[in-house]
Amino acid sequence: TKELNVRIEDRVQDMLRHGWIEEVRALKGTAWEPFLMRKKIIGYDDILLFLDKKEPQGKDLFALTNVITQRTRQYGKRQRTFWRKLEKRLLEHPYPVETVNMSERDMHEFAQDLIQKLRTTLFT
């Protein structure tokens, strides 16, 4: 969705502004570097390539930002697909399913509502 893409772009830029590259630079040359390259944690391997000036991430900060943003969007799409398929399977099940957008709810309020629903469902 457009809103999610904007949030991803903002988050990637915010993380880069607040020292993500410096964090990875501090891990470079340590036992963490091969781990980060092997695990492919979004952004970390890209920043290592950027620091080594390897393509395409090493081209410039703009290219690095674009690569990380794109990979994060792709990951988000895989997550949405997973949840959509899970919801479809759950809807085929006899139990009720409710989808909640947690970015628009307070976690404490949501937990209290959930506890109340469980009490109502399980103990009545």
C-alpha atoms as a PDB file:
ATOM      1  CA  THR A   1       0.000   0.000   0.000  1.00  0.00           C
ATOM      2  CA  LYS A   2       1.063   3.574  -0.552  1.00  0.00           C
ATOM      3  CA  GLU A   3       0.958   4.417   3.179  1.00  0.00           C
ATOM      4  CA  LEU A   4       3.194   1.446   4.008  1.00  0.00           C
ATOM      5  CA  ASN A   5       5.692   2.396   1.283  1.00  0.00           C
ATOM      6  CA  VAL A   6       5.935   5.934   2.665  1.00  0.00           C
ATOM      7  CA  ARG A   7       6.448   4.564   6.178  1.00  0.00           C
ATOM      8  CA  ILE A   8       9.180   2.221   4.908  1.00  0.00           C
ATOM      9  CA  GLU A   9      10.970   5.054   3.082  1.00  0.00           C
ATOM     10  CA  ASP A  10      10.783   7.291   6.146  1.00  0.00           C
ATOM     11  CA  ARG A  11      12.023   4.522   8.453  1.00  0.00           C
ATOM     12  CA  VAL A  12      14.998   3.611   6.250  1.00  0.00           C
ATOM     13  CA  GLN A  13      16.032   7.259   5.947  1.00  0.00           C
ATOM     14  CA  ASP A  14      15.577   7.783   9.691  1.00  0.00           C
ATOM     15  CA  MET A  15      17.739   4.758  10.527  1.00  0.00           C
ATOM     16  CA  LEU A  16      20.477   5.937   8.165  1.00  0.00           C
ATOM     17  CA  ARG A  17      20.349   9.467   9.639  1.00  0.00           C
ATOM     18  CA  HIS A  18      20.641   8.095  13.164  1.00  0.00           C
ATOM     19  CA  GLY A  19      23.824   6.093  12.717  1.00  0.00           C
ATOM     20  CA  TRP A  20      23.017   2.814  11.008  1.00  0.00           C
ATOM     21  CA  ILE A  21      26.077   3.098   8.735  1.00  0.00           C
ATOM     22  CA  GLU A  22      28.312   3.860  11.715  1.00  0.00           C
ATOM     23  CA  GLU A  23      26.858   0.855  13.566  1.00  0.00           C
ATOM     24  CA  VAL A  24      27.702  -1.436  10.656  1.00  0.00           C
ATOM     25  CA  ARG A  25      31.141   0.176  10.225  1.00  0.00           C
ATOM     26  CA  ALA A  26      31.867  -0.741  13.863  1.00  0.00           C
ATOM     27  CA  LEU A  27      30.913  -4.376  13.122  1.00  0.00           C
ATOM     28  CA  LYS A  28      33.052  -4.521   9.979  1.00  0.00           C
ATOM     29  CA  GLY A  29      36.122  -6.695  10.385  1.00  0.00           C
ATOM     30  CA  THR A  30      34.700  -8.441  13.453  1.00  0.00           C
ATOM     31  CA  ALA A  31      33.134 -11.892  13.772  1.00  0.00           C
ATOM     32  CA  TRP A  32      29.798 -10.189  13.053  1.00  0.00           C
ATOM     33  CA  GLU A  33      30.638  -9.322   9.440  1.00  0.00           C
ATOM     34  CA  PRO A  34      30.413 -12.869   8.009  1.00  0.00           C
ATOM     35  CA  PHE A  35      27.293 -13.479  10.089  1.00  0.00           C
ATOM     36  CA  LEU A  36      25.598 -10.375   8.684  1.00  0.00           C
ATOM     37  CA  MET A  37      26.544 -11.276   5.109  1.00  0.00           C
ATOM     38  CA  ARG A  38      25.344 -14.850   5.550  1.00  0.00           C
ATOM     39  CA  LYS A  39      22.039 -14.040   7.285  1.00  0.00           C
ATOM     40  CA  LYS A  40      21.038 -11.347   4.794  1.00  0.00           C
ATOM     41  CA  ILE A  41      19.351  -9.185   7.434  1.00  0.00           C
ATOM     42  CA  ILE A  42      17.824  -6.402   5.382  1.00  0.00           C
ATOM     43  CA  GLY A  43      20.206  -3.496   5.053  1.00  0.00           C
ATOM     44  CA  TYR A  44      23.233  -4.818   6.931  1.00  0.00           C
ATOM     45  CA  ASP A  45      24.790  -6.682   4.018  1.00  0.00           C
ATOM     46  CA  ASP A  46      23.922  -3.748   1.751  1.00  0.00           C
ATOM     47  CA  ILE A  47      25.715  -1.309   4.068  1.00  0.00           C
ATOM     48  CA  LEU A  48      28.760  -3.599   4.190  1.00  0.00           C
ATOM     49  CA  LEU A  49      28.847  -3.570   0.374  1.00  0.00           C
ATOM     50  CA  PHE A  50      28.405   0.224   0.461  1.00  0.00           C
ATOM     51  CA  LEU A  51      31.383   0.553   2.810  1.00  0.00           C
ATOM     52  CA  ASP A  52      33.451  -1.622   0.456  1.00  0.00           C
ATOM     53  CA  LYS A  53      32.269   0.539  -2.479  1.00  0.00           C
ATOM     54  CA  LYS A  54      30.802  -2.448  -4.311  1.00  0.00           C
ATOM     55  CA  GLU A  55      27.931  -2.167  -6.795  1.00  0.00           C
ATOM     56  CA  PRO A  56      25.126  -1.176  -6.694  1.00  0.00           C
ATOM     57  CA  GLN A  57      25.060  -0.160  -3.033  1.00  0.00           C
ATOM     58  CA  GLY A  58      28.577   1.256  -3.040  1.00  0.00           C
ATOM     59  CA  LYS A  59      27.767   3.779  -5.709  1.00  0.00           C
ATOM     60  CA  ASP A  60      26.397   6.445  -3.352  1.00  0.00           C
ATOM     61  CA  LEU A  61      24.111   6.981  -0.374  1.00  0.00           C
ATOM     62  CA  PHE A  62      21.112   7.487  -2.663  1.00  0.00           C
ATOM     63  CA  ALA A  63      21.673   4.075  -4.293  1.00  0.00           C
ATOM     64  CA  LEU A  64      22.108   2.454  -0.878  1.00  0.00           C
ATOM     65  CA  THR A  65      18.880   3.995   0.390  1.00  0.00           C
ATOM     66  CA  ASN A  66      17.007   2.812  -2.703  1.00  0.00           C
ATOM     67  CA  VAL A  67      18.309  -0.754  -2.414  1.00  0.00           C
ATOM     68  CA  ILE A  68      17.393  -1.052   1.281  1.00  0.00           C
ATOM     69  CA  THR A  69      13.983   0.537   0.713  1.00  0.00           C
ATOM     70  CA  GLN A  70      13.244  -1.826  -2.181  1.00  0.00           C
ATOM     71  CA  ARG A  71      14.308  -4.924  -0.218  1.00  0.00           C
ATOM     72  CA  THR A  72      12.172  -3.808   2.722  1.00  0.00           C
ATOM     73  CA  ARG A  73       9.161  -3.299   0.441  1.00  0.00           C
ATOM     74  CA  GLN A  74       9.666  -6.774  -1.009  1.00  0.00           C
ATOM     75  CA  TYR A  75       9.827  -8.224   2.496  1.00  0.00           C
ATOM     76  CA  GLY A  76       6.651  -6.352   3.403  1.00  0.00           C
ATOM     77  CA  LYS A  77       4.924  -7.798   0.342  1.00  0.00           C
ATOM     78  CA  ARG A  78       5.938 -11.323   1.364  1.00  0.00           C
ATOM     79  CA  GLN A  79       4.552 -10.669   4.844  1.00  0.00           C
ATOM     80  CA  ARG A  80       1.245  -9.373   3.453  1.00  0.00           C
ATOM     81  CA  THR A  81       0.976 -12.454   1.233  1.00  0.00           C
ATOM     82  CA  PHE A  82       1.674 -14.731   4.212  1.00  0.00           C
ATOM     83  CA  TRP A  83      -0.965 -13.035   6.380  1.00  0.00           C
ATOM     84  CA  ARG A  84      -3.522 -12.996   3.554  1.00  0.00           C
ATOM     85  CA  LYS A  85      -3.068 -16.749   3.032  1.00  0.00           C
ATOM     86  CA  LEU A  86      -3.178 -17.386   6.784  1.00  0.00           C
ATOM     87  CA  GLU A  87      -6.358 -15.325   7.132  1.00  0.00           C
ATOM     88  CA  LYS A  88      -7.947 -17.282   4.273  1.00  0.00           C
ATOM     89  CA  ARG A  89      -7.110 -20.560   5.985  1.00  0.00           C
ATOM     90  CA  LEU A  90      -8.393 -19.298   9.322  1.00  0.00           C
ATOM     91  CA  LEU A  91     -11.628 -18.094   7.758  1.00  0.00           C
ATOM     92  CA  GLU A  92     -12.201 -21.613   6.494  1.00  0.00           C
ATOM     93  CA  HIS A  93     -11.938 -22.733  10.120  1.00  0.00           C
ATOM     94  CA  PRO A  94     -15.011 -22.594  12.385  1.00  0.00           C
ATOM     95  CA  TYR A  95     -13.454 -20.040  14.756  1.00  0.00           C
ATOM     96  CA  PRO A  96     -14.015 -16.301  14.244  1.00  0.00           C
ATOM     97  CA  VAL A  97     -11.073 -14.234  12.961  1.00  0.00           C
ATOM     98  CA  GLU A  98     -10.564 -10.507  13.392  1.00  0.00           C
ATOM     99  CA  THR A  99      -7.857  -8.475  11.649  1.00  0.00           C
ATOM    100  CA  VAL A 100      -6.477  -5.541  13.636  1.00  0.00           C
ATOM    101  CA  ASN A 101      -4.293  -2.681  12.384  1.00  0.00           C
ATOM    102  CA  MET A 102      -2.004  -2.156  15.387  1.00  0.00           C
ATOM    103  CA  SER A 103      -0.579   1.072  13.988  1.00  0.00           C
ATOM    104  CA  GLU A 104      -3.962   2.644  14.735  1.00  0.00           C
ATOM    105  CA  ARG A 105      -4.462   1.131  18.217  1.00  0.00           C
ATOM    106  CA  ASP A 106      -2.886   1.412  21.598  1.00  0.00           C
ATOM    107  CA  MET A 107      -1.359  -1.950  22.604  1.00  0.00           C
ATOM    108  CA  HIS A 108      -2.702  -1.758  26.171  1.00  0.00           C
ATOM    109  CA  GLU A 109      -6.214  -0.923  24.950  1.00  0.00           C
ATOM    110  CA  PHE A 110      -6.077  -3.777  22.434  1.00  0.00           C
ATOM    111  CA  ALA A 111      -4.916  -6.253  25.093  1.00  0.00           C
ATOM    112  CA  GLN A 112      -7.738  -5.220  27.422  1.00  0.00           C
ATOM    113  CA  ASP A 113     -10.319  -5.635  24.638  1.00  0.00           C
ATOM    114  CA  LEU A 114      -8.887  -9.041  23.764  1.00  0.00           C
ATOM    115  CA  ILE A 115      -8.981 -10.215  27.384  1.00  0.00           C
ATOM    116  CA  GLN A 116     -12.604  -9.107  27.647  1.00  0.00           C
ATOM    117  CA  LYS A 117     -13.529 -10.937  24.437  1.00  0.00           C
ATOM    118  CA  LEU A 118     -11.816 -14.107  25.654  1.00  0.00           C
ATOM    119  CA  ARG A 119     -13.613 -13.933  28.999  1.00  0.00           C
ATOM    120  CA  THR A 120     -16.933 -13.440  27.238  1.00  0.00           C
ATOM    121  CA  THR A 121     -16.291 -16.255  24.765  1.00  0.00           C
ATOM    122  CA  LEU A 122     -14.729 -18.805  27.087  1.00  0.00           C
ATOM    123  CA  PHE A 123     -16.694 -18.303  30.278  1.00  0.00           C
ATOM    124  CA  THR A 124     -20.265 -17.700  29.137  1.00  0.00           C
END
